[in-house]
Amino acid sequence: MLTITLIRKPDLSGYTLIIEPELLDYPKNDESAAATYINKVIEREILRAPEQYLWVHRRFKTRPQGEKSLYI
């Protein structure tokens, strides 16, 4: 397994393609450890250009404390 990330160039002239080496030490026999591992990999890739990440999943749409949820 490896990661491939595209980052839009600041001048909008194209993209930078980043292909990382194969991910090693993936915990195949422990679902919880595997989820933690892959979430850290995803976080690392998002942090390369967080402003370009597609933040549409409702998980990321938080409301101030005491305000009603947008999804209920």
PDB file of N, CA and C in Angstrom:
ATOM      1  N   MET A   1       0.852  -1.150   0.000  1.00  0.00           N
ATOM      2  CA  MET A   1       0.000   0.000   0.000  1.00  0.00           C
ATOM      3  C   MET A   1       0.913   1.233   0.000  1.00  0.00           C
ATOM      4  N   LEU A   2       0.505   2.249  -0.776  1.00  0.00           N
ATOM      5  CA  LEU A   2       1.251   3.500  -0.794  1.00  0.00           C
ATOM      6  C   LEU A   2       0.277   4.654  -0.949  1.00  0.00           C
ATOM      7  N   THR A   3       0.756   5.866  -0.704  1.00  0.00           N
ATOM      8  CA  THR A   3      -0.106   7.040  -0.850  1.00  0.00           C
ATOM      9  C   THR A   3       0.310   7.840  -2.080  1.00  0.00           C
ATOM     10  N   ILE A   4      -0.698   8.418  -2.703  1.00  0.00           N
ATOM     11  CA  ILE A   4      -0.493   9.307  -3.844  1.00  0.00           C
ATOM     12  C   ILE A   4      -1.279  10.574  -3.540  1.00  0.00           C
ATOM     13  N   THR A   5      -0.616  11.720  -3.558  1.00  0.00           N
ATOM     14  CA  THR A   5      -1.248  12.982  -3.213  1.00  0.00           C
ATOM     15  C   THR A   5      -0.996  14.000  -4.318  1.00  0.00           C
ATOM     16  N   LEU A   6      -2.051  14.715  -4.695  1.00  0.00           N
ATOM     17  CA  LEU A   6      -1.934  15.822  -5.647  1.00  0.00           C
ATOM     18  C   LEU A   6      -2.143  17.120  -4.891  1.00  0.00           C
ATOM     19  N   ILE A   7      -1.242  18.073  -5.093  1.00  0.00           N
ATOM     20  CA  ILE A   7      -1.367  19.377  -4.461  1.00  0.00           C
ATOM     21  C   ILE A   7      -1.354  20.438  -5.560  1.00  0.00           C
ATOM     22  N   ARG A   8      -2.404  21.258  -5.572  1.00  0.00           N
ATOM     23  CA  ARG A   8      -2.508  22.329  -6.557  1.00  0.00           C
ATOM     24  C   ARG A   8      -1.403  23.351  -6.312  1.00  0.00           C
ATOM     25  N   LYS A   9      -0.717  23.764  -7.366  1.00  0.00           N
ATOM     26  CA  LYS A   9       0.341  24.758  -7.238  1.00  0.00           C
ATOM     27  C   LYS A   9      -0.270  26.129  -6.940  1.00  0.00           C
ATOM     28  N   PRO A  10       0.422  26.949  -6.150  1.00  0.00           N
ATOM     29  CA  PRO A  10      -0.123  28.262  -5.766  1.00  0.00           C
ATOM     30  C   PRO A  10      -0.467  29.162  -6.962  1.00  0.00           C
ATOM     31  N   ASP A  11       0.284  29.045  -8.043  1.00  0.00           N
ATOM     32  CA  ASP A  11       0.020  29.895  -9.211  1.00  0.00           C
ATOM     33  C   ASP A  11      -1.011  29.291 -10.167  1.00  0.00           C
ATOM     34  N   LEU A  12      -1.627  28.165  -9.741  1.00  0.00           N
ATOM     35  CA  LEU A  12      -2.657  27.461 -10.509  1.00  0.00           C
ATOM     36  C   LEU A  12      -2.162  26.940 -11.860  1.00  0.00           C
ATOM     37  N   SER A  13      -0.853  26.740 -11.968  1.00  0.00           N
ATOM     38  CA  SER A  13      -0.272  26.256 -13.234  1.00  0.00           C
ATOM     39  C   SER A  13      -0.306  24.739 -13.353  1.00  0.00           C
ATOM     40  N   GLY A  14      -0.792  24.069 -12.350  1.00  0.00           N
ATOM     41  CA  GLY A  14      -0.838  22.608 -12.383  1.00  0.00           C
ATOM     42  C   GLY A  14      -0.787  22.046 -10.976  1.00  0.00           C
ATOM     43  N   TYR A  15      -0.296  20.831 -10.885  1.00  0.00           N
ATOM     44  CA  TYR A  15      -0.265  20.116  -9.614  1.00  0.00           C
ATOM     45  C   TYR A  15       1.113  19.529  -9.363  1.00  0.00           C
ATOM     46  N   THR A  16       1.400  19.299  -8.091  1.00  0.00           N
ATOM     47  CA  THR A  16       2.574  18.551  -7.697  1.00  0.00           C
ATOM     48  C   THR A  16       2.076  17.162  -7.300  1.00  0.00           C
ATOM     49  N   LEU A  17       2.658  16.142  -7.885  1.00  0.00           N
ATOM     50  CA  LEU A  17       2.298  14.760  -7.591  1.00  0.00           C
ATOM     51  C   LEU A  17       3.320  14.194  -6.615  1.00  0.00           C
ATOM     52  N   ILE A  18       2.826  13.691  -5.484  1.00  0.00           N
ATOM     53  CA  ILE A  18       3.700  13.103  -4.470  1.00  0.00           C
ATOM     54  C   ILE A  18       3.321  11.635  -4.328  1.00  0.00           C
ATOM     55  N   ILE A  19       4.254  10.759  -4.619  1.00  0.00           N
ATOM     56  CA  ILE A  19       4.053   9.323  -4.449  1.00  0.00           C
ATOM     57  C   ILE A  19       5.036   8.866  -3.377  1.00  0.00           C
ATOM     58  N   GLU A  20       4.483   8.423  -2.269  1.00  0.00           N
ATOM     59  CA  GLU A  20       5.318   7.999  -1.148  1.00  0.00           C
ATOM     60  C   GLU A  20       5.726   6.533  -1.314  1.00  0.00           C
ATOM     61  N   PRO A  21       6.811   6.145  -0.678  1.00  0.00           N
ATOM     62  CA  PRO A  21       7.200   4.727  -0.696  1.00  0.00           C
ATOM     63  C   PRO A  21       6.120   3.862  -0.039  1.00  0.00           C
ATOM     64  N   GLU A  22       6.216   2.595  -0.266  1.00  0.00           N
ATOM     65  CA  GLU A  22       5.262   1.646   0.301  1.00  0.00           C
ATOM     66  C   GLU A  22       5.163   1.818   1.819  1.00  0.00           C
ATOM     67  N   LEU A  23       3.924   1.768   2.318  1.00  0.00           N
ATOM     68  CA  LEU A  23       3.716   1.838   3.764  1.00  0.00           C
ATOM     69  C   LEU A  23       4.143   0.513   4.381  1.00  0.00           C
ATOM     70  N   LEU A  24       4.955   0.593   5.405  1.00  0.00           N
ATOM     71  CA  LEU A  24       5.459  -0.608   6.065  1.00  0.00           C
ATOM     72  C   LEU A  24       4.834  -0.753   7.442  1.00  0.00           C
ATOM     73  N   ASP A  25       4.889  -1.928   7.979  1.00  0.00           N
ATOM     74  CA  ASP A  25       4.423  -2.208   9.347  1.00  0.00           C
ATOM     75  C   ASP A  25       2.924  -1.993   9.528  1.00  0.00           C
ATOM     76  N   TYR A  26       2.140  -2.188   8.463  1.00  0.00           N
ATOM     77  CA  TYR A  26       0.686  -2.066   8.591  1.00  0.00           C
ATOM     78  C   TYR A  26       0.177  -3.206   9.470  1.00  0.00           C
ATOM     79  N   PRO A  27      -0.551  -2.900  10.540  1.00  0.00           N
ATOM     80  CA  PRO A  27      -1.011  -3.941  11.477  1.00  0.00           C
ATOM     81  C   PRO A  27      -2.211  -4.721  10.922  1.00  0.00           C
ATOM     82  N   LYS A  28      -1.960  -5.755  10.181  1.00  0.00           N
ATOM     83  CA  LYS A  28      -3.001  -6.512   9.472  1.00  0.00           C
ATOM     84  C   LYS A  28      -3.934  -7.285  10.395  1.00  0.00           C
ATOM     85  N   ASN A  29      -3.478  -7.671  11.558  1.00  0.00           N
ATOM     86  CA  ASN A  29      -4.269  -8.547  12.425  1.00  0.00           C
ATOM     87  C   ASN A  29      -4.952  -7.829  13.581  1.00  0.00           C
ATOM     88  N   ASP A  30      -4.930  -6.510  13.577  1.00  0.00           N
ATOM     89  CA  ASP A  30      -5.535  -5.742  14.669  1.00  0.00           C
ATOM     90  C   ASP A  30      -6.303  -4.581  14.049  1.00  0.00           C
ATOM     91  N   GLU A  31      -7.637  -4.705  14.005  1.00  0.00           N
ATOM     92  CA  GLU A  31      -8.458  -3.693  13.336  1.00  0.00           C
ATOM     93  C   GLU A  31      -8.312  -2.308  13.948  1.00  0.00           C
ATOM     94  N   SER A  32      -8.253  -2.233  15.254  1.00  0.00           N
ATOM     95  CA  SER A  32      -8.122  -0.939  15.917  1.00  0.00           C
ATOM     96  C   SER A  32      -6.782  -0.286  15.585  1.00  0.00           C
ATOM     97  N   ALA A  33      -5.718  -1.053  15.644  1.00  0.00           N
ATOM     98  CA  ALA A  33      -4.394  -0.530  15.311  1.00  0.00           C
ATOM     99  C   ALA A  33      -4.320  -0.151  13.830  1.00  0.00           C
ATOM    100  N   ALA A  34      -4.969  -0.938  12.979  1.00  0.00           N
ATOM    101  CA  ALA A  34      -4.982  -0.639  11.544  1.00  0.00           C
ATOM    102  C   ALA A  34      -5.703   0.683  11.277  1.00  0.00           C
ATOM    103  N   ALA A  35      -6.831   0.903  11.964  1.00  0.00           N
ATOM    104  CA  ALA A  35      -7.576   2.154  11.796  1.00  0.00           C
ATOM    105  C   ALA A  35      -6.751   3.346  12.263  1.00  0.00           C
ATOM    106  N   THR A  36      -6.082   3.195  13.399  1.00  0.00           N
ATOM    107  CA  THR A  36      -5.223   4.267  13.907  1.00  0.00           C
ATOM    108  C   THR A  36      -4.089   4.556  12.935  1.00  0.00           C
ATOM    109  N   TYR A  37      -3.486   3.522  12.425  1.00  0.00           N
ATOM    110  CA  TYR A  37      -2.364   3.651  11.476  1.00  0.00           C
ATOM    111  C   TYR A  37      -2.806   4.401  10.223  1.00  0.00           C
ATOM    112  N   ILE A  38      -3.912   3.962   9.615  1.00  0.00           N
ATOM    113  CA  ILE A  38      -4.334   4.570   8.359  1.00  0.00           C
ATOM    114  C   ILE A  38      -4.831   5.996   8.576  1.00  0.00           C
ATOM    115  N   ASN A  39      -5.449   6.268   9.731  1.00  0.00           N
ATOM    116  CA  ASN A  39      -5.867   7.642  10.030  1.00  0.00           C
ATOM    117  C   ASN A  39      -4.669   8.574  10.155  1.00  0.00           C
ATOM    118  N   LYS A  40      -3.583   8.095  10.731  1.00  0.00           N
ATOM    119  CA  LYS A  40      -2.366   8.912  10.821  1.00  0.00           C
ATOM    120  C   LYS A  40      -1.779   9.176   9.437  1.00  0.00           C
ATOM    121  N   VAL A  41      -1.841   8.181   8.566  1.00  0.00           N
ATOM    122  CA  VAL A  41      -1.353   8.351   7.192  1.00  0.00           C
ATOM    123  C   VAL A  41      -2.207   9.399   6.470  1.00  0.00           C
ATOM    124  N   ILE A  42      -3.520   9.293   6.601  1.00  0.00           N
ATOM    125  CA  ILE A  42      -4.422  10.261   5.964  1.00  0.00           C
ATOM    126  C   ILE A  42      -4.170  11.663   6.522  1.00  0.00           C
ATOM    127  N   GLU A  43      -4.026  11.774   7.829  1.00  0.00           N
ATOM    128  CA  GLU A  43      -3.756  13.074   8.446  1.00  0.00           C
ATOM    129  C   GLU A  43      -2.463  13.679   7.904  1.00  0.00           C
ATOM    130  N   ARG A  44      -1.428  12.873   7.784  1.00  0.00           N
ATOM    131  CA  ARG A  44      -0.150  13.360   7.250  1.00  0.00           C
ATOM    132  C   ARG A  44      -0.323  13.943   5.851  1.00  0.00           C
ATOM    133  N   GLU A  45      -1.091  13.252   5.015  1.00  0.00           N
ATOM    134  CA  GLU A  45      -1.302  13.723   3.649  1.00  0.00           C
ATOM    135  C   GLU A  45      -2.156  14.988   3.607  1.00  0.00           C
ATOM    136  N   ILE A  46      -3.173  15.063   4.454  1.00  0.00           N
ATOM    137  CA  ILE A  46      -4.011  16.268   4.510  1.00  0.00           C
ATOM    138  C   ILE A  46      -3.187  17.473   4.943  1.00  0.00           C
ATOM    139  N   LEU A  47      -2.291  17.277   5.915  1.00  0.00           N
ATOM    140  CA  LEU A  47      -1.500  18.379   6.442  1.00  0.00           C
ATOM    141  C   LEU A  47      -0.493  18.937   5.429  1.00  0.00           C
ATOM    142  N   ARG A  48      -0.286  18.267   4.335  1.00  0.00           N
ATOM    143  CA  ARG A  48       0.564  18.817   3.269  1.00  0.00           C
ATOM    144  C   ARG A  48      -0.069  20.068   2.672  1.00  0.00           C
ATOM    145  N   ALA A  49      -1.408  20.089   2.599  1.00  0.00           N
ATOM    146  CA  ALA A  49      -2.144  21.240   2.059  1.00  0.00           C
ATOM    147  C   ALA A  49      -3.580  21.176   2.577  1.00  0.00           C
ATOM    148  N   PRO A  50      -3.801  21.441   3.864  1.00  0.00           N
ATOM    149  CA  PRO A  50      -5.138  21.281   4.439  1.00  0.00           C
ATOM    150  C   PRO A  50      -6.208  22.152   3.782  1.00  0.00           C
ATOM    151  N   GLU A  51      -5.808  23.281   3.235  1.00  0.00           N
ATOM    152  CA  GLU A  51      -6.773  24.159   2.574  1.00  0.00           C
ATOM    153  C   GLU A  51      -7.335  23.542   1.294  1.00  0.00           C
ATOM    154  N   GLN A  52      -6.677  22.512   0.788  1.00  0.00           N
ATOM    155  CA  GLN A  52      -7.138  21.864  -0.433  1.00  0.00           C
ATOM    156  C   GLN A  52      -7.918  20.579  -0.172  1.00  0.00           C
ATOM    157  N   TYR A  53      -8.033  20.190   1.089  1.00  0.00           N
ATOM    158  CA  TYR A  53      -8.761  18.973   1.418  1.00  0.00           C
ATOM    159  C   TYR A  53     -10.258  19.221   1.265  1.00  0.00           C
ATOM    160  N   LEU A  54     -10.989  18.233   0.837  1.00  0.00           N
ATOM    161  CA  LEU A  54     -12.423  18.351   0.643  1.00  0.00           C
ATOM    162  C   LEU A  54     -13.126  18.103   1.980  1.00  0.00           C
ATOM    163  N   TRP A  55     -13.423  19.166   2.684  1.00  0.00           N
ATOM    164  CA  TRP A  55     -13.973  19.090   4.032  1.00  0.00           C
ATOM    165  C   TRP A  55     -15.500  19.053   4.019  1.00  0.00           C
ATOM    166  N   VAL A  56     -16.120  18.187   3.235  1.00  0.00           N
ATOM    167  CA  VAL A  56     -17.577  18.169   3.153  1.00  0.00           C
ATOM    168  C   VAL A  56     -18.233  17.122   4.048  1.00  0.00           C
ATOM    169  N   HIS A  57     -17.488  16.166   4.532  1.00  0.00           N
ATOM    170  CA  HIS A  57     -18.068  15.125   5.386  1.00  0.00           C
ATOM    171  C   HIS A  57     -18.607  15.775   6.649  1.00  0.00           C
ATOM    172  N   ARG A  58     -19.808  15.399   7.043  1.00  0.00           N
ATOM    173  CA  ARG A  58     -20.426  16.041   8.202  1.00  0.00           C
ATOM    174  C   ARG A  58     -19.621  15.865   9.477  1.00  0.00           C
ATOM    175  N   ARG A  59     -18.746  14.921   9.514  1.00  0.00           N
ATOM    176  CA  ARG A  59     -17.896  14.715  10.684  1.00  0.00           C
ATOM    177  C   ARG A  59     -17.093  15.976  11.005  1.00  0.00           C
ATOM    178  N   PHE A  60     -16.792  16.779   9.988  1.00  0.00           N
ATOM    179  CA  PHE A  60     -15.939  17.949  10.164  1.00  0.00           C
ATOM    180  C   PHE A  60     -16.738  19.238  10.374  1.00  0.00           C
ATOM    181  N   LYS A  61     -18.045  19.151  10.325  1.00  0.00           N
ATOM    182  CA  LYS A  61     -18.887  20.340  10.467  1.00  0.00           C
ATOM    183  C   LYS A  61     -19.405  20.426  11.894  1.00  0.00           C
ATOM    184  N   THR A  62     -18.615  21.021  12.750  1.00  0.00           N
ATOM    185  CA  THR A  62     -18.997  21.119  14.158  1.00  0.00           C
ATOM    186  C   THR A  62     -19.753  22.424  14.396  1.00  0.00           C
ATOM    187  N   ARG A  63     -20.525  22.421  15.439  1.00  0.00           N
ATOM    188  CA  ARG A  63     -21.296  23.592  15.831  1.00  0.00           C
ATOM    189  C   ARG A  63     -20.788  24.076  17.184  1.00  0.00           C
ATOM    190  N   PRO A  64     -20.933  25.368  17.463  1.00  0.00           N
ATOM    191  CA  PRO A  64     -20.553  25.866  18.784  1.00  0.00           C
ATOM    192  C   PRO A  64     -21.366  25.153  19.869  1.00  0.00           C
ATOM    193  N   GLN A  65     -20.791  25.034  21.040  1.00  0.00           N
ATOM    194  CA  GLN A  65     -21.442  24.343  22.150  1.00  0.00           C
ATOM    195  C   GLN A  65     -22.804  24.987  22.427  1.00  0.00           C
ATOM    196  N   GLY A  66     -23.828  24.139  22.548  1.00  0.00           N
ATOM    197  CA  GLY A  66     -25.167  24.595  22.824  1.00  0.00           C
ATOM    198  C   GLY A  66     -26.021  24.859  21.598  1.00  0.00           C
ATOM    199  N   GLU A  67     -25.416  24.899  20.399  1.00  0.00           N
ATOM    200  CA  GLU A  67     -26.198  25.110  19.186  1.00  0.00           C
ATOM    201  C   GLU A  67     -26.666  23.777  18.629  1.00  0.00           C
ATOM    202  N   LYS A  68     -27.842  23.788  18.028  1.00  0.00           N
ATOM    203  CA  LYS A  68     -28.479  22.593  17.500  1.00  0.00           C
ATOM    204  C   LYS A  68     -27.691  22.040  16.307  1.00  0.00           C
ATOM    205  N   SER A  69     -27.626  20.734  16.218  1.00  0.00           N
ATOM    206  CA  SER A  69     -26.954  20.061  15.095  1.00  0.00           C
ATOM    207  C   SER A  69     -27.645  20.388  13.776  1.00  0.00           C
ATOM    208  N   LEU A  70     -26.893  20.498  12.716  1.00  0.00           N
ATOM    209  CA  LEU A  70     -27.452  20.739  11.392  1.00  0.00           C
ATOM    210  C   LEU A  70     -28.039  19.474  10.784  1.00  0.00           C
ATOM    211  N   TYR A  71     -27.787  18.315  11.384  1.00  0.00           N
ATOM    212  CA  TYR A  71     -28.142  17.039  10.768  1.00  0.00           C
ATOM    213  C   TYR A  71     -29.305  16.336  11.454  1.00  0.00           C
ATOM    214  N   ILE A  72     -29.885  16.942  12.458  1.00  0.00           N
ATOM    215  CA  ILE A  72     -31.014  16.288  13.158  1.00  0.00           C
ATOM    216  C   ILE A  72     -32.281  17.062  12.845  1.00  0.00           C
TER     217      ILE A  72
END
